[in-house]
Amino acid sequence: MFATASVGGSDQPPPPDTFNFQDLIDEIKAKETSEARRAANRANAQHSTGPKTAEGKAKASMNAVKTGLTARTVVLPNEDIHAYYDHLDRHFADFSPATDGEKSLVQIIADTEWRLHRIAPLEAGIYAVGRRKLADQFAAEPDVFNREDLINAEIFLTYRKDFSNLALQERRLRNQRKADIAELQQLQHERIQKRHDYIEHARVTGNKCAFLKREFDPPALGFDFTFAEYMHFCQQNQEHYELTERDLDFDTVVAAYRAAQKEPKAA
């Protein structure tokens, strides 16, 4: 017991050999930054609630959101900044970070996934550009389906370097995301285990006090909770464990207890 839980061009486009998709790919390419930069940017984001005025929101949409992942724009001007905020909120809700280091990693993971979501539209964009430039190819082919296949193959051969770059960046982003999630889970495991050991130490200390017939005063002994809070958790956890054979989270139970104590009493 006491285990604590846890993404208008002109009518005459340039010929294929002058097409350069690299500018669009650059946004997902750069991803290296210092850990201090990441933490600083995430800390700044924690103190921001977003623009309030229509003018501020419009400016944010144009300037986009910057984070410590690349110190470059994460949300492009043509993307929905509110969708980005919702995307970020979902990640924080799913991963439940509790420390600055965990929050920084969740920010990075969310931004990496946002860029991953951009890969498929970029790939579709290459095909769209290719179809405009190669629309007149294979005009003599009588079978419309064969002609479509031939055009698609010609697009792939013409822009295979761009497709290869996209695939490379997708692999890099997926590997980065996997590594960051693993690092986050390790941090959370260590934090949870440390808290578990802390509560277990309190239980052992309480038992010693009872054996020695001494008062168990957690704050006086260096603990960050009161005797009433501790006893409330013990009671709630015992009842829960008897039903589920699983422990409640100490901090969640104590936070709810403290909130209830602050509520005004009914007359």
Protein backbone atom coordinates (compact mmCIF):
# COMPACT_ATOMS: atom_id res chain seq x y z
CA MET A 1 0.00 0.00 0.00
CA PHE A 2 0.84 3.68 -0.20
CA ALA A 3 1.95 3.35 -3.85
CA THR A 4 1.29 6.63 -5.62
CA ALA A 5 -0.16 6.62 -9.10
CA SER A 6 0.95 8.60 -12.15
CA VAL A 7 0.29 19.79 -36.98
CA GLY A 8 -1.66 31.37 -55.20
CA GLY A 9 0.82 30.90 -57.58
CA SER A 10 0.89 32.20 -61.15
CA ASP A 11 -0.85 30.50 -64.09
CA GLN A 12 2.56 29.55 -65.49
CA PRO A 13 4.48 27.70 -62.80
CA PRO A 14 8.23 27.18 -63.14
CA PRO A 15 9.53 23.95 -64.68
CA PRO A 16 10.11 20.99 -62.35
CA ASP A 17 13.89 21.35 -62.25
CA THR A 18 13.55 24.81 -60.66
CA PHE A 19 11.10 23.69 -57.94
CA ASN A 20 12.55 23.87 -54.47
CA PHE A 21 10.52 22.48 -51.57
CA GLN A 22 13.36 22.92 -49.12
CA ASP A 23 11.98 26.15 -47.64
CA LEU A 24 8.89 24.28 -46.45
CA ILE A 25 10.91 21.37 -45.17
CA ASP A 26 13.29 23.61 -43.20
CA GLU A 27 10.64 24.23 -40.58
CA ILE A 28 10.57 20.59 -39.53
CA LYS A 29 14.33 20.14 -39.97
CA ALA A 30 15.77 22.28 -37.20
CA LYS A 31 15.20 20.81 -33.76
CA GLU A 32 18.36 21.11 -31.70
CA THR A 33 18.53 23.55 -28.81
CA SER A 34 20.04 23.76 -25.37
CA GLU A 35 18.22 22.38 -22.34
CA ALA A 36 18.43 25.76 -20.64
CA ARG A 37 16.75 27.39 -23.61
CA ARG A 38 13.97 24.82 -23.51
CA ALA A 39 13.34 25.35 -19.82
CA ALA A 40 13.39 29.14 -20.12
CA ASN A 41 10.87 29.15 -22.94
CA ARG A 42 8.58 26.72 -21.14
CA ALA A 43 8.76 28.81 -17.98
CA ASN A 44 7.75 31.88 -19.95
CA ALA A 45 4.86 29.99 -21.49
CA GLN A 46 3.64 28.95 -18.03
CA HIS A 47 3.18 32.60 -17.05
CA SER A 48 1.31 33.48 -20.23
CA THR A 49 -2.44 33.08 -20.63
CA GLY A 50 -2.44 34.14 -24.27
CA PRO A 51 -3.58 37.33 -25.97
CA LYS A 52 -6.81 38.88 -24.67
CA THR A 53 -7.71 41.51 -27.29
CA ALA A 54 -8.72 40.92 -30.91
CA GLU A 55 -5.62 42.87 -31.98
CA GLY A 56 -3.41 40.71 -29.78
CA LYS A 57 -4.94 37.49 -31.06
CA ALA A 58 -4.48 38.60 -34.66
CA LYS A 59 -0.84 39.46 -33.96
CA ALA A 60 -0.33 36.09 -32.30
CA SER A 61 -1.82 34.33 -35.30
CA MET A 62 0.57 36.11 -37.63
CA ASN A 63 3.66 35.91 -35.48
CA ALA A 64 2.83 32.40 -34.25
CA VAL A 65 4.05 30.68 -31.12
CA LYS A 66 7.74 30.25 -30.34
CA THR A 67 9.07 27.63 -27.95
CA GLY A 68 12.42 26.32 -26.88
CA LEU A 69 12.37 23.37 -29.27
CA THR A 70 14.03 25.27 -32.13
CA ALA A 71 13.75 28.91 -31.02
CA ARG A 72 11.92 29.21 -34.34
CA THR A 73 8.26 29.42 -35.27
CA VAL A 74 6.28 26.31 -34.34
CA VAL A 75 2.89 27.47 -35.61
CA LEU A 76 3.05 28.80 -39.15
CA PRO A 77 1.01 31.89 -40.14
CA ASN A 78 -1.46 29.76 -42.13
CA GLU A 79 -2.08 27.41 -39.17
CA ASP A 80 -4.72 27.79 -36.46
CA ILE A 81 -3.09 29.03 -33.27
CA HIS A 82 -6.16 28.08 -31.23
CA ALA A 83 -5.89 24.50 -32.53
CA TYR A 84 -2.27 24.58 -31.36
CA TYR A 85 -3.31 25.68 -27.87
CA ASP A 86 -5.91 22.87 -27.77
CA HIS A 87 -3.24 20.43 -28.95
CA LEU A 88 -0.93 21.63 -26.16
CA ASP A 89 -3.68 21.38 -23.54
CA ARG A 90 -4.41 17.78 -24.55
CA HIS A 91 -0.76 16.83 -24.09
CA PHE A 92 -0.60 18.43 -20.65
CA ALA A 93 -3.81 16.66 -19.68
CA ASP A 94 -2.57 13.30 -21.00
CA PHE A 95 0.92 13.41 -19.46
CA SER A 96 0.07 15.29 -16.24
CA PRO A 97 3.51 16.87 -15.68
CA ALA A 98 4.18 17.98 -12.11
CA THR A 99 7.62 19.61 -12.25
CA ASP A 100 9.26 22.23 -14.46
CA GLY A 101 11.41 19.55 -16.10
CA GLU A 102 8.36 17.42 -16.88
CA LYS A 103 6.45 20.42 -18.23
CA SER A 104 9.36 21.33 -20.48
CA LEU A 105 9.41 17.82 -21.94
CA VAL A 106 5.65 17.80 -22.51
CA GLN A 107 5.98 21.11 -24.39
CA ILE A 108 8.73 19.60 -26.56
CA ILE A 109 6.74 16.41 -27.21
CA ALA A 110 3.66 18.42 -28.22
CA ASP A 111 5.67 20.62 -30.57
CA THR A 112 7.33 17.60 -32.17
CA GLU A 113 3.95 15.98 -32.80
CA TRP A 114 2.62 19.26 -34.22
CA ARG A 115 5.44 19.16 -36.76
CA LEU A 116 4.77 15.49 -37.48
CA HIS A 117 1.18 16.37 -38.37
CA ARG A 118 2.60 18.72 -40.98
CA ILE A 119 4.35 15.89 -42.90
CA ALA A 120 1.27 14.49 -44.71
CA PRO A 121 0.05 17.90 -45.97
CA LEU A 122 3.57 18.66 -47.19
CA GLU A 123 3.67 15.37 -49.09
CA ALA A 124 0.24 16.08 -50.58
CA GLY A 125 1.52 19.54 -51.51
CA ILE A 126 4.39 18.05 -53.49
CA TYR A 127 1.96 15.88 -55.45
CA ALA A 128 -0.33 18.89 -56.04
CA VAL A 129 2.57 20.95 -57.39
CA GLY A 130 3.71 18.02 -59.49
CA ARG A 131 0.28 17.51 -61.00
CA ARG A 132 0.16 21.14 -62.08
CA LYS A 133 3.55 20.95 -63.70
CA LEU A 134 3.18 17.51 -65.24
CA ALA A 135 -0.51 17.61 -66.18
CA ASP A 136 0.23 17.34 -69.91
CA GLN A 137 2.43 14.27 -69.55
CA PHE A 138 1.39 10.95 -71.15
CA ALA A 139 -1.43 12.60 -73.14
CA ALA A 140 -1.30 9.75 -75.68
CA GLU A 141 -2.16 7.12 -73.04
CA PRO A 142 -5.78 6.03 -73.80
CA ASP A 143 -6.49 4.44 -70.43
CA VAL A 144 -7.32 7.19 -67.92
CA PHE A 145 -6.34 5.06 -64.91
CA ASN A 146 -3.01 4.07 -66.43
CA ARG A 147 -2.36 7.73 -67.22
CA GLU A 148 -3.02 8.71 -63.60
CA ASP A 149 -0.60 6.05 -62.41
CA LEU A 150 2.04 7.19 -64.88
CA ILE A 151 1.69 10.82 -63.82
CA ASN A 152 1.95 9.90 -60.13
CA ALA A 153 5.07 7.84 -60.85
CA GLU A 154 6.58 10.73 -62.80
CA ILE A 155 5.84 13.09 -59.91
CA PHE A 156 7.58 10.75 -57.50
CA LEU A 157 10.63 10.40 -59.76
CA THR A 158 10.80 14.16 -60.36
CA TYR A 159 10.56 15.09 -56.69
CA ARG A 160 11.96 11.99 -55.04
CA LYS A 161 14.64 14.01 -53.27
CA ASP A 162 11.91 16.09 -51.60
CA PHE A 163 9.94 12.95 -50.69
CA SER A 164 13.12 11.43 -49.29
CA ASN A 165 13.79 14.55 -47.22
CA LEU A 166 10.28 14.40 -45.79
CA ALA A 167 10.66 10.74 -44.89
CA LEU A 168 14.01 11.45 -43.23
CA GLN A 169 12.62 14.28 -41.17
CA GLU A 170 9.61 12.20 -40.17
CA ARG A 171 11.90 9.45 -38.87
CA ARG A 172 13.99 11.97 -36.97
CA LEU A 173 10.94 13.60 -35.41
CA ARG A 174 9.41 10.25 -34.44
CA ASN A 175 12.68 9.11 -32.87
CA GLN A 176 12.98 12.40 -30.99
CA ARG A 177 9.40 12.12 -29.74
CA LYS A 178 9.97 8.53 -28.62
CA ALA A 179 13.14 9.49 -26.74
CA ASP A 180 11.48 12.50 -25.08
CA ILE A 181 8.51 10.41 -23.94
CA ALA A 182 10.87 7.83 -22.47
CA GLU A 183 12.77 10.58 -20.63
CA LEU A 184 9.50 12.05 -19.32
CA GLN A 185 8.27 8.68 -18.10
CA GLN A 186 11.57 8.09 -16.32
CA LEU A 187 11.35 11.47 -14.57
CA GLN A 188 7.77 10.77 -13.52
CA HIS A 189 8.64 7.29 -12.28
CA GLU A 190 11.47 8.68 -10.18
CA ARG A 191 9.27 11.45 -8.77
CA ILE A 192 6.46 9.04 -7.92
CA GLN A 193 8.84 6.56 -6.30
CA LYS A 194 10.46 9.32 -4.27
CA ARG A 195 7.04 10.46 -3.04
CA HIS A 196 6.05 6.88 -2.25
CA ASP A 197 9.17 6.46 -0.13
CA TYR A 198 8.39 9.77 1.62
CA ILE A 199 4.86 8.66 2.57
CA GLU A 200 6.10 5.24 3.61
CA HIS A 201 8.64 6.94 5.87
CA ALA A 202 5.80 8.92 7.44
CA ARG A 203 3.86 5.69 8.06
CA VAL A 204 6.86 4.05 9.72
CA THR A 205 7.47 7.18 11.82
CA GLY A 206 3.83 7.24 12.88
CA ASN A 207 4.01 3.62 13.98
CA LYS A 208 7.14 4.33 16.00
CA CYS A 209 5.42 7.24 17.72
CA ALA A 210 2.49 5.00 18.59
CA PHE A 211 4.82 2.30 19.94
CA LEU A 212 6.69 4.84 22.06
CA LYS A 213 3.41 6.46 23.11
CA ARG A 214 4.48 9.80 21.66
CA GLU A 215 2.45 12.31 19.69
CA PHE A 216 2.83 12.00 15.94
CA ASP A 217 3.11 15.62 14.70
CA PRO A 218 4.12 15.42 11.01
CA PRO A 219 5.03 19.12 10.51
CA ALA A 220 7.19 19.11 13.61
CA LEU A 221 9.01 16.07 12.22
CA GLY A 222 9.64 17.73 8.83
CA PHE A 223 6.73 16.36 6.82
CA ASP A 224 4.68 18.58 4.51
CA PHE A 225 1.24 17.57 5.78
CA THR A 226 -0.69 17.66 9.02
CA PHE A 227 -1.76 14.80 11.23
CA ALA A 228 -5.41 15.35 10.21
CA GLU A 229 -4.48 15.21 6.55
CA TYR A 230 -2.46 12.06 7.09
CA MET A 231 -5.27 10.31 8.98
CA HIS A 232 -7.82 11.35 6.35
CA PHE A 233 -5.66 9.76 3.66
CA CYS A 234 -5.14 6.58 5.69
CA GLN A 235 -8.90 6.18 6.14
CA GLN A 236 -9.74 6.89 2.50
CA ASN A 237 -6.93 4.70 1.24
CA GLN A 238 -7.86 1.77 3.48
CA GLU A 239 -11.45 1.79 2.21
CA HIS A 240 -10.30 2.11 -1.40
CA TYR A 241 -7.70 -0.66 -1.07
CA GLU A 242 -10.18 -3.10 0.40
CA LEU A 243 -12.35 -2.67 -2.70
CA THR A 244 -9.73 -2.40 -5.43
CA GLU A 245 -6.41 -3.62 -3.96
CA ARG A 246 -4.91 -0.40 -5.28
CA ASP A 247 -3.66 2.63 -3.36
CA LEU A 248 -4.93 6.14 -3.81
CA ASP A 249 -2.56 8.96 -4.67
CA PHE A 250 -1.62 10.69 -1.44
CA ASP A 251 -1.24 14.19 -2.87
CA THR A 252 -4.55 13.99 -4.77
CA VAL A 253 -6.45 12.93 -1.64
CA VAL A 254 -4.78 15.57 0.53
CA ALA A 255 -5.38 18.31 -2.08
CA ALA A 256 -9.11 17.43 -2.15
CA TYR A 257 -9.20 17.42 1.66
CA ARG A 258 -7.55 20.85 1.84
CA ALA A 259 -9.95 22.26 -0.73
CA ALA A 260 -12.91 20.91 1.23
CA GLN A 261 -11.58 22.53 4.43
CA LYS A 262 -11.46 25.91 2.69
CA GLU A 263 -15.07 25.74 1.52
CA PRO A 264 -17.48 27.89 3.56
CA LYS A 265 -19.55 25.92 6.01
CA ALA A 266 -23.30 25.80 5.38
CA ALA A 267 -25.31 27.85 7.83
